[in-house]
Protein backbone atom coordinates (compact mmCIF):
# COMPACT_ATOMS: atom_id res chain seq x y z
CA MET A 1 15.32 -2.85 -8.44
CA LYS A 2 12.70 -4.43 -10.70
CA ILE A 3 9.92 -6.38 -8.96
CA ASN A 4 7.68 -8.80 -10.87
CA VAL A 5 4.74 -9.95 -8.80
CA LYS A 6 1.01 -10.22 -9.53
CA GLY A 7 -2.19 -10.98 -7.65
CA VAL A 8 -2.55 -10.68 -3.88
CA PRO A 9 1.25 -10.51 -3.25
CA GLU A 10 1.41 -7.36 -5.40
CA THR A 11 -0.77 -5.51 -2.91
CA MET A 12 2.22 -5.44 -0.54
CA ILE A 13 4.00 -3.06 -2.93
CA GLN A 14 1.00 -0.74 -3.02
CA THR A 15 0.51 -0.68 0.74
CA LEU A 16 4.24 -0.04 1.18
CA TYR A 17 3.95 2.90 -1.21
CA ALA A 18 0.97 4.32 0.69
CA ARG A 19 2.97 4.30 3.93
CA ALA A 20 6.01 5.83 2.25
CA LYS A 21 3.94 8.55 0.61
CA GLU A 22 2.27 9.49 3.90
CA THR A 23 5.62 9.53 5.71
CA SER A 24 7.00 11.96 3.13
CA LYS A 25 4.26 14.55 3.77
CA GLU A 26 4.95 17.71 5.75
CA ASN A 27 2.78 16.60 8.67
CA PRO A 28 2.53 12.81 8.37
CA LYS A 29 0.09 10.81 10.48
CA ILE A 30 2.50 7.86 10.52
CA LYS A 31 6.26 7.57 10.23
CA ASP A 32 7.68 4.67 8.25
CA GLU A 33 11.13 5.71 7.07
CA MET A 34 11.96 2.13 6.09
CA ALA A 35 9.05 2.18 3.62
CA VAL A 36 10.45 5.40 2.13
CA SER A 37 13.86 3.78 1.75
CA ILE A 38 12.49 0.65 0.05
CA VAL A 39 10.28 2.61 -2.37
CA LYS A 40 13.32 4.61 -3.50
CA GLN A 41 15.00 1.33 -4.47
CA LEU A 42 12.05 -0.04 -6.46
CA ASP A 43 11.64 0.05 -10.22
CA TYR A 44 7.84 -0.21 -10.21
CA ASP A 45 4.88 1.59 -11.78
CA PHE A 46 3.06 3.19 -8.84
CA SER A 47 0.48 4.98 -11.01
CA ASN A 48 -2.46 2.83 -9.87
CA ALA A 49 -1.57 3.30 -6.21
CA ASP A 50 -1.05 7.04 -6.80
CA GLN A 51 -4.59 7.37 -8.16
CA ASP A 52 -6.23 5.17 -5.54
CA ARG A 53 -6.93 7.54 -2.66
CA THR A 54 -9.40 5.13 -1.08
CA MET A 55 -6.76 2.43 -0.78
CA SER A 56 -4.15 4.85 0.54
CA LEU A 57 -6.43 6.27 3.21
CA GLY A 58 -7.45 2.76 4.28
CA VAL A 59 -3.83 1.63 4.59
CA ILE A 60 -2.87 4.66 6.70
CA ALA A 61 -5.98 4.37 8.88
CA ARG A 62 -5.21 0.69 9.45
CA THR A 63 -1.59 1.46 10.31
CA ILE A 64 -2.67 4.10 12.83
CA VAL A 65 -5.15 1.74 14.49
CA LEU A 66 -3.01 -1.41 14.48
CA ASP A 67 0.15 0.34 15.64
CA LYS A 68 -1.77 1.65 18.64
CA MET A 69 -3.38 -1.72 19.39
CA VAL A 70 -0.15 -3.71 19.04
CA GLU A 71 1.84 -1.24 21.11
CA GLU A 72 -0.77 -1.27 23.89
CA TYR A 73 -0.74 -5.07 23.91
CA LEU A 74 3.05 -5.29 24.02
CA ASN A 75 3.24 -2.68 26.78
CA THR A 76 0.99 -4.82 28.98
CA HIS A 77 2.36 -8.25 28.00
CA LYS A 78 6.10 -8.08 28.55
CA ASP A 79 7.02 -11.59 27.34
CA THR A 80 5.42 -11.77 23.90
CA ILE A 81 6.21 -13.53 20.65
CA VAL A 82 4.62 -11.85 17.62
CA ILE A 83 3.64 -13.77 14.49
CA ASN A 84 2.90 -11.43 11.59
CA ILE A 85 0.90 -13.46 9.06
CA ALA A 86 1.04 -12.37 5.40
CA CYS A 87 3.68 -9.81 6.38
CA GLY A 88 4.53 -8.64 2.86
CA LEU A 89 6.85 -5.65 3.27
CA ASP A 90 5.39 -4.60 6.60
CA THR A 91 7.85 -2.82 8.91
CA ARG A 92 5.92 -2.73 12.19
CA CYS A 93 8.51 -5.03 13.78
CA TYR A 94 10.98 -2.14 13.62
CA ARG A 95 8.56 0.44 15.02
CA MET A 96 7.91 -1.90 17.97
CA LYS A 97 11.52 -2.99 18.50
CA GLY A 98 12.44 -3.63 22.12
CA LYS A 99 8.85 -4.41 23.13
CA TYR A 100 8.78 -8.14 22.23
CA VAL A 101 10.84 -11.29 22.75
CA ARG A 102 10.78 -12.51 19.13
CA TRP A 103 8.94 -11.39 15.98
CA TYR A 104 8.21 -13.77 13.10
CA ASN A 105 7.31 -12.40 9.67
CA LEU A 106 5.44 -15.13 7.79
CA ASP A 107 4.53 -15.11 4.11
CA LEU A 108 4.67 -17.15 0.91
CA PRO A 109 8.17 -18.04 -0.37
CA GLU A 110 7.95 -15.65 -3.34
CA THR A 111 7.07 -12.79 -0.99
CA ILE A 112 9.77 -13.60 1.55
CA ASN A 113 12.31 -13.76 -1.29
CA ILE A 114 11.39 -10.17 -2.17
CA ARG A 115 11.41 -9.11 1.48
CA LYS A 116 14.92 -10.50 1.94
CA GLN A 117 16.21 -8.24 -0.81
CA PHE A 118 15.33 -5.17 1.25
CA LEU A 119 15.13 -6.34 4.87
CA LYS A 120 17.99 -8.52 6.07
CA GLU A 121 16.35 -9.78 9.23
CA THR A 122 18.03 -11.73 12.02
CA GLY A 123 17.01 -12.36 15.61
CA PRO A 124 14.94 -11.21 17.36
CA ILE A 125 13.23 -10.70 13.98
CA TYR A 126 12.82 -13.85 11.87
CA GLN A 127 11.38 -14.69 8.45
CA ILE A 128 9.34 -17.81 7.65
CA ALA A 129 8.73 -18.59 3.97
CA LYS A 130 5.52 -20.58 4.31
CA SER A 131 1.79 -20.21 3.82
CA ALA A 132 -0.37 -19.37 6.81
CA MET A 133 -2.23 -22.57 5.90
CA ASP A 134 0.91 -24.69 6.24
CA GLU A 135 0.76 -26.02 9.78
CA SER A 136 4.47 -26.84 9.72
CA TYR A 137 5.29 -23.17 10.31
CA ARG A 138 4.57 -23.78 13.99
CA ASP A 139 7.78 -25.85 14.09
CA ASP A 140 9.73 -22.72 13.14
CA ILE A 141 8.47 -20.77 16.16
CA GLN A 142 10.66 -20.86 19.26
CA TYR A 143 7.92 -21.08 21.87
CA HIS A 144 8.38 -21.70 25.58
CA GLY A 145 5.02 -20.65 26.99
CA GLU A 146 5.31 -16.93 26.25
CA ASN A 147 2.32 -14.81 25.23
CA ILE A 148 1.61 -15.08 21.51
CA LEU A 149 0.25 -12.17 19.47
CA VAL A 150 -0.80 -13.00 15.90
CA ILE A 151 -1.38 -10.13 13.48
CA ILE A 152 -3.37 -10.69 10.26
CA GLU A 153 -3.92 -7.55 8.20
CA GLY A 154 -4.83 -7.11 4.57
CA LEU A 155 -5.41 -10.82 3.97
CA THR A 156 -8.82 -12.24 4.92
CA MET A 157 -10.72 -10.29 2.25
CA TYR A 158 -8.82 -12.22 -0.46
CA LEU A 159 -9.55 -15.68 0.97
CA SER A 160 -12.48 -18.05 1.47
CA GLU A 161 -14.28 -19.00 4.66
CA ASN A 162 -12.55 -22.40 4.62
CA ASP A 163 -9.18 -20.66 4.30
CA ILE A 164 -9.96 -18.54 7.35
CA LYS A 165 -10.93 -21.61 9.36
CA LYS A 166 -7.74 -23.38 8.31
CA ILE A 167 -5.51 -20.47 9.31
CA PHE A 168 -7.10 -20.23 12.75
CA SER A 169 -7.03 -24.00 13.28
CA ILE A 170 -3.23 -23.84 13.12
CA ILE A 171 -3.00 -21.14 15.81
CA THR A 172 -3.02 -23.53 18.77
CA PHE A 173 -0.46 -21.85 21.03
CA LYS A 174 -1.60 -21.28 24.60
CA ASN A 175 -1.98 -17.66 25.67
CA SER A 176 -2.50 -16.59 22.06
CA THR A 177 -4.31 -13.44 20.96
CA VAL A 178 -5.15 -12.67 17.34
CA MET A 179 -5.69 -9.22 15.84
CA VAL A 180 -7.28 -9.77 12.44
CA GLU A 181 -8.58 -7.28 9.88
CA VAL A 182 -11.98 -8.08 8.39
CA MET A 183 -14.07 -6.46 5.68
CA PHE A 184 -17.86 -6.02 5.67
CA PRO A 185 -19.66 -8.24 3.07
CA PHE A 186 -21.30 -5.23 1.39
CA VAL A 187 -17.87 -3.71 0.79
CA VAL A 188 -16.51 -6.98 -0.61
CA LYS A 189 -19.31 -7.06 -3.19
CA HIS A 190 -19.51 -3.39 -4.13
CA THR A 191 -16.05 -1.86 -3.71
CA LYS A 192 -13.48 -1.73 -6.49
CA GLU A 193 -10.11 -0.23 -5.63
CA LYS A 194 -8.05 0.78 -8.68
CA SER A 195 -4.81 -0.54 -7.25
CA VAL A 196 -6.37 -3.88 -6.27
CA GLU A 197 -7.92 -4.38 -9.71
CA GLY A 198 -4.65 -3.35 -11.34
CA SER A 199 -2.84 -6.12 -9.49
CA HIS A 200 -5.51 -8.67 -10.54
CA ALA A 201 -6.33 -9.37 -6.89
CA LYS A 202 -10.00 -9.56 -5.94
CA PHE A 203 -11.99 -9.20 -2.73
CA THR A 204 -13.70 -12.53 -2.06
CA TRP A 205 -14.71 -12.78 1.61
CA GLY A 206 -16.19 -10.63 4.31
CA ILE A 207 -17.98 -10.83 7.63
CA LYS A 208 -20.11 -8.35 9.56
CA ASN A 209 -18.25 -8.23 12.84
CA GLY A 210 -16.14 -10.05 15.39
CA LYS A 211 -19.08 -11.81 17.00
CA GLU A 212 -19.94 -13.39 13.66
CA LEU A 213 -16.31 -14.42 13.19
CA GLU A 214 -16.29 -16.03 16.63
CA LYS A 215 -19.13 -18.33 15.50
CA LEU A 216 -16.86 -19.77 12.78
CA LEU A 217 -13.98 -20.45 15.16
CA PRO A 218 -14.91 -22.83 18.00
CA THR A 219 -11.61 -22.50 19.89
CA PHE A 220 -11.57 -18.68 19.86
CA SER A 221 -13.42 -16.13 21.95
CA PHE A 222 -14.27 -12.62 20.79
CA LEU A 223 -12.69 -9.92 22.95
CA THR A 224 -13.23 -6.61 21.16
CA GLU A 225 -13.02 -4.87 17.80
CA VAL A 226 -11.90 -1.46 16.58
CA SER A 227 -13.26 0.14 13.42
CA LEU A 228 -10.79 1.78 11.06
CA VAL A 229 -13.04 4.82 11.44
CA GLU A 230 -10.84 5.52 14.47
CA GLY A 231 -7.86 5.87 12.16
CA MET A 232 -9.82 7.91 9.62
CA LYS A 233 -10.57 10.47 12.34
CA LYS A 234 -6.85 11.28 12.39
CA LEU A 235 -6.81 11.73 8.61
CA MET A 236 -10.12 13.47 7.95
CA PRO A 237 -11.82 15.36 10.83
CA ILE A 238 -15.24 14.88 9.18
CA TYR A 239 -15.05 11.26 10.37
CA HIS A 240 -15.62 12.48 13.93
CA VAL A 241 -19.16 13.12 12.65
CA LEU A 242 -19.44 10.38 10.02
CA GLY A 243 -18.19 7.78 12.50
CA LYS A 244 -21.28 8.34 14.62
CA ILE A 245 -23.49 7.12 11.78
CA PRO A 246 -24.03 3.37 12.40
CA PHE A 247 -23.91 2.46 8.70
CA VAL A 248 -20.54 4.17 8.18
CA TYR A 249 -19.07 2.71 11.34
CA ASN A 250 -20.35 -0.79 10.62
CA ILE A 251 -19.22 -1.09 7.00
CA SER A 252 -15.69 0.14 7.70
CA ASN A 253 -12.99 -2.50 8.03
CA LYS A 254 -12.39 -3.64 11.58
CA ILE A 255 -9.55 -5.07 13.59
CA VAL A 256 -11.10 -7.94 15.52
CA VAL A 257 -9.36 -9.24 18.64
CA LEU A 258 -9.83 -12.91 19.52
CA ASN A 259 -8.35 -15.11 22.21
CA ASN A 260 -7.56 -18.81 21.90
CA HIS A 261 -9.25 -20.54 24.85
CA ASN A 262 -7.73 -23.99 24.25
């Protein structure tokens, strides 16, 4: 199947490929058979993603870390609705099946149209074809006071500070927790990933840590953060040593956990 998409939405194809490629290894660190199945159906030039080892390692490290964090949350919060912002072709909802009440995959209409071609989702998994900055998406969420877990991965580094504030201003559900990936400013300015450049997407925003992010979001409290170094340790043992170096640990992408205290 031929896919024509450029810019930030194209990164979903490359991250999908990274997960599929890892899954196909002899001793994979993640298992995403749905990604493998979708990649087999795609008529797409994966050469940039194939050559971009940095991107691939980052995607797998993030998947390792976020899968663990999401699973731990769902195991301790039995009645949870998950909102996966900028879902792309993410398949975590299937790896976590049975652990949540409802799961909403939210993305731009053009992205959801592509997703629907490969993933025919019905309850308890739903698709919402709207921007994360369109507050009307809240009307599409069946919410009756359950815990809310919002996942935002692979998005903030392509936005502006005002965009970030807008996205969080819409997350007004009570009992809501957000797990959001952030990139260090130095990395935003000095890193060029082949696959990202090839898709004409560009890193535009970063922040040092979760405490700094908390300062931008008056209705959210910082809970914790996990560096993707933790995922890299599973992929490259040298990171057990490198991860102890403050500079390496600090500049790695992080998953920041925030709680809405409205």
